N, C-alpha and C. Protein backbone atom coordinates (compact mmCIF):
# COMPACT_ATOMS: atom_id res chain seq x y z
N MET A 1 0.90 -1.47 0.02
CA MET A 1 0.35 -0.06 -0.14
C MET A 1 0.74 1.29 0.13
N LYS A 2 0.81 2.41 -0.76
CA LYS A 2 1.33 3.21 -1.36
C LYS A 2 0.86 4.11 0.00
N PRO A 3 2.20 5.03 0.34
CA PRO A 3 2.01 6.23 1.60
C PRO A 3 0.89 7.27 1.25
N ASN A 4 0.60 7.83 0.01
CA ASN A 4 -0.16 9.01 -0.73
C ASN A 4 -1.62 7.96 -0.28
N VAL A 5 -1.96 6.62 -0.36
CA VAL A 5 -3.16 6.10 -0.33
C VAL A 5 -3.54 5.78 1.50
N ILE A 6 -2.49 5.79 2.04
CA ILE A 6 -2.82 6.04 3.50
C ILE A 6 -2.98 7.25 4.02
N ARG A 7 -2.41 8.13 3.69
CA ARG A 7 -2.73 9.41 4.39
C ARG A 7 -4.23 9.84 3.67
N GLU A 8 -5.04 9.44 2.87
CA GLU A 8 -5.93 9.89 2.46
C GLU A 8 -7.19 9.02 3.37
N MET A 9 -6.83 7.90 3.62
CA MET A 9 -7.65 7.00 4.78
C MET A 9 -7.98 7.96 5.88
N SER A 10 -9.53 7.79 6.77
CA SER A 10 -9.72 8.50 7.65
C SER A 10 -8.87 7.24 8.86
N THR A 11 -8.95 7.91 9.93
CA THR A 11 -8.27 7.32 11.29
C THR A 11 -8.55 5.50 11.57
N SER A 12 -10.54 5.59 11.29
CA SER A 12 -11.19 4.69 11.80
C SER A 12 -10.74 3.54 10.80
N GLU A 13 -10.72 4.15 9.27
CA GLU A 13 -10.49 2.93 8.43
C GLU A 13 -8.79 2.37 8.74
N LEU A 14 -7.99 3.14 8.93
CA LEU A 14 -6.81 2.79 9.32
C LEU A 14 -6.55 1.82 10.40
N LYS A 15 -7.15 1.69 11.39
CA LYS A 15 -7.16 1.32 12.09
C LYS A 15 -7.74 -0.27 12.10
N GLU A 16 -8.64 -0.06 11.33
CA GLU A 16 -9.47 -1.27 10.82
C GLU A 16 -8.53 -2.02 9.85
N ARG A 17 -7.64 -1.51 9.03
CA ARG A 17 -6.93 -2.33 7.94
C ARG A 17 -5.40 -2.67 8.92
N LEU A 18 -5.40 -1.78 9.79
CA LEU A 18 -4.04 -2.23 10.42
C LEU A 18 -4.35 -3.46 11.07
N VAL A 19 -5.75 -3.92 11.65
CA VAL A 19 -5.93 -5.21 12.39
C VAL A 19 -6.09 -6.01 11.22
N GLU A 20 -6.83 -6.11 10.07
CA GLU A 20 -6.46 -7.04 8.95
C GLU A 20 -5.31 -7.28 8.59
N GLU A 21 -4.24 -6.16 8.30
CA GLU A 21 -2.84 -6.68 7.91
C GLU A 21 -2.04 -7.58 9.17
N ARG A 22 -2.38 -6.93 10.49
CA ARG A 22 -1.76 -8.08 11.08
C ARG A 22 -2.43 -9.26 11.27
N LYS A 23 -3.30 -9.85 10.86
CA LYS A 23 -3.84 -10.73 10.83
C LYS A 23 -3.59 -11.57 9.78
N HIS A 24 -3.23 -10.94 8.55
CA HIS A 24 -2.78 -11.64 7.38
C HIS A 24 -0.97 -12.03 7.59
N LEU A 25 -0.51 -11.12 8.13
CA LEU A 25 0.81 -11.45 8.80
C LEU A 25 1.00 -12.88 9.36
N ARG A 26 0.13 -12.66 10.37
CA ARG A 26 0.37 -14.03 11.53
C ARG A 26 -0.35 -14.80 10.48
N LYS A 27 -0.95 -15.18 9.95
CA LYS A 27 -1.43 -16.27 8.65
C LYS A 27 -0.10 -16.74 7.98
N LEU A 28 0.28 -15.70 7.27
CA LEU A 28 1.51 -15.94 6.51
C LEU A 28 3.11 -16.36 7.15
N LYS A 29 3.23 -15.85 8.28
CA LYS A 29 4.06 -16.67 9.30
C LYS A 29 3.70 -18.01 9.32
N MET A 30 2.75 -18.16 9.84
CA MET A 30 2.03 -20.03 10.15
C MET A 30 2.48 -20.42 8.73
N ASN A 31 2.09 -20.10 8.05
CA ASN A 31 1.88 -21.00 6.56
C ASN A 31 3.72 -21.23 6.17
N HIS A 32 4.62 -20.17 6.49
CA HIS A 32 5.65 -20.23 6.27
C HIS A 32 6.55 -21.07 6.96
N ALA A 33 6.17 -21.13 8.48
CA ALA A 33 6.79 -22.00 9.00
C ALA A 33 6.44 -23.46 8.91
N VAL A 34 5.37 -24.03 8.48
CA VAL A 34 4.73 -25.13 8.32
C VAL A 34 5.43 -25.41 6.54
N SER A 35 5.33 -24.51 5.53
CA SER A 35 6.01 -24.98 4.22
C SER A 35 5.93 -23.98 3.82
N PRO A 36 7.32 -23.73 3.35
CA PRO A 36 7.77 -22.40 2.72
C PRO A 36 7.09 -21.88 1.83
N LEU A 37 6.96 -20.55 1.68
CA LEU A 37 6.17 -19.81 0.53
C LEU A 37 6.56 -19.78 -0.29
N GLU A 38 6.40 -19.42 -1.59
CA GLU A 38 6.38 -19.47 -3.15
C GLU A 38 7.64 -17.98 -3.19
N ASN A 39 6.87 -17.05 -2.75
CA ASN A 39 7.27 -15.75 -2.38
C ASN A 39 7.74 -15.07 -0.72
N PRO A 40 8.75 -15.55 -0.32
CA PRO A 40 8.70 -15.17 1.13
C PRO A 40 8.31 -13.36 1.22
N MET A 41 9.03 -12.74 0.07
CA MET A 41 9.29 -11.70 0.51
C MET A 41 7.69 -10.73 0.82
N LYS A 42 6.62 -11.39 0.48
CA LYS A 42 5.26 -10.93 0.79
C LYS A 42 5.11 -10.93 2.10
N ILE A 43 5.72 -11.70 3.04
CA ILE A 43 6.03 -11.12 4.62
C ILE A 43 6.51 -9.78 4.87
N GLN A 44 7.55 -9.28 4.22
CA GLN A 44 8.01 -7.87 4.39
C GLN A 44 7.04 -6.87 3.65
N VAL A 45 6.31 -7.61 3.14
CA VAL A 45 5.27 -6.64 2.50
C VAL A 45 4.49 -5.94 3.31
N TYR A 46 4.28 -7.35 3.74
CA TYR A 46 3.19 -6.66 4.88
C TYR A 46 3.53 -6.06 6.02
N ARG A 47 4.87 -6.34 6.63
CA ARG A 47 5.07 -5.52 7.91
C ARG A 47 5.76 -4.53 7.39
N LYS A 48 6.09 -3.90 6.55
CA LYS A 48 6.19 -2.68 5.94
C LYS A 48 4.99 -1.97 5.75
N THR A 49 4.11 -2.25 5.30
CA THR A 49 2.70 -1.48 5.35
C THR A 49 2.20 -1.20 6.74
N ILE A 50 2.30 -2.28 7.57
CA ILE A 50 1.60 -2.51 8.76
C ILE A 50 2.73 -1.17 9.44
N SER A 51 3.94 -0.97 9.35
CA SER A 51 4.52 0.10 9.76
C SER A 51 4.42 1.41 9.26
N ARG A 52 3.94 1.55 8.03
CA ARG A 52 3.19 2.79 7.19
C ARG A 52 1.82 3.08 8.10
N ILE A 53 1.41 1.92 8.31
CA ILE A 53 -0.24 2.80 8.76
C ILE A 53 0.69 3.05 10.15
N MET A 54 1.06 2.04 11.04
CA MET A 54 1.38 2.70 12.32
C MET A 54 2.07 3.86 12.54
N THR A 55 2.69 4.47 11.55
CA THR A 55 3.55 5.54 11.54
C THR A 55 2.70 6.65 11.68
N GLU A 56 1.42 6.77 10.12
CA GLU A 56 0.52 7.88 9.78
C GLU A 56 -0.36 8.21 11.60
N LEU A 57 -0.61 6.79 11.62
CA LEU A 57 -1.58 7.07 13.42
C LEU A 57 -1.07 7.81 14.21
N ASN A 58 0.29 7.39 14.28
CA ASN A 58 1.55 8.21 15.42
C ASN A 58 1.38 9.76 15.09
N LYS A 59 1.40 10.16 13.99
CA LYS A 59 1.36 10.99 13.32
C LYS A 59 0.12 12.17 13.65
N ARG A 60 -0.51 11.06 13.35
CA ARG A 60 -2.31 12.09 13.66
C ARG A 60 -2.17 12.47 15.17
N GLU A 61 -2.16 11.10 15.82
CA GLU A 61 -2.01 11.47 17.45
C GLU A 61 -1.40 12.26 18.05
N THR A 62 -0.07 12.92 17.44
CA THR A 62 0.93 13.88 17.69
C THR A 62 0.04 15.25 17.34
N GLU A 63 -0.34 15.10 16.27
CA GLU A 63 -0.91 16.64 15.81
C GLU A 63 -2.14 17.27 16.67
N GLU A 64 -2.78 15.98 17.11
CA GLU A 64 -4.07 16.21 17.77
C GLU A 64 -3.89 16.53 19.16
N LEU A 65 -2.63 16.00 19.45
CA LEU A 65 -2.02 16.47 21.19
C LEU A 65 -1.44 18.09 20.87
N LYS A 66 -0.83 18.48 19.80
CA LYS A 66 -0.35 19.58 19.79
C LYS A 66 -1.63 20.67 19.51
N GLN A 67 -2.98 20.67 19.14
CA GLN A 67 -3.57 21.07 18.57
C GLN A 67 -4.22 21.68 20.12
N LYS A 68 -4.22 20.94 21.02
CA LYS A 68 -4.80 20.90 22.41
C LYS A 68 -4.33 21.89 22.90
């Protein structure tokens, strides 16, 4: 997921997406432990997406705190 797409999403959508991405990552890791994935780079892609979402959420939280 591209950073500009993440910026356009609302905070509630980001939180929902974060939960979904974490579920997918756990599932991929479990499958990879049982039998090797065809493309293990998918794990890295999910990790980066989760990090991007978390970064945007933290940025929004700090902006809200600064405005108060």
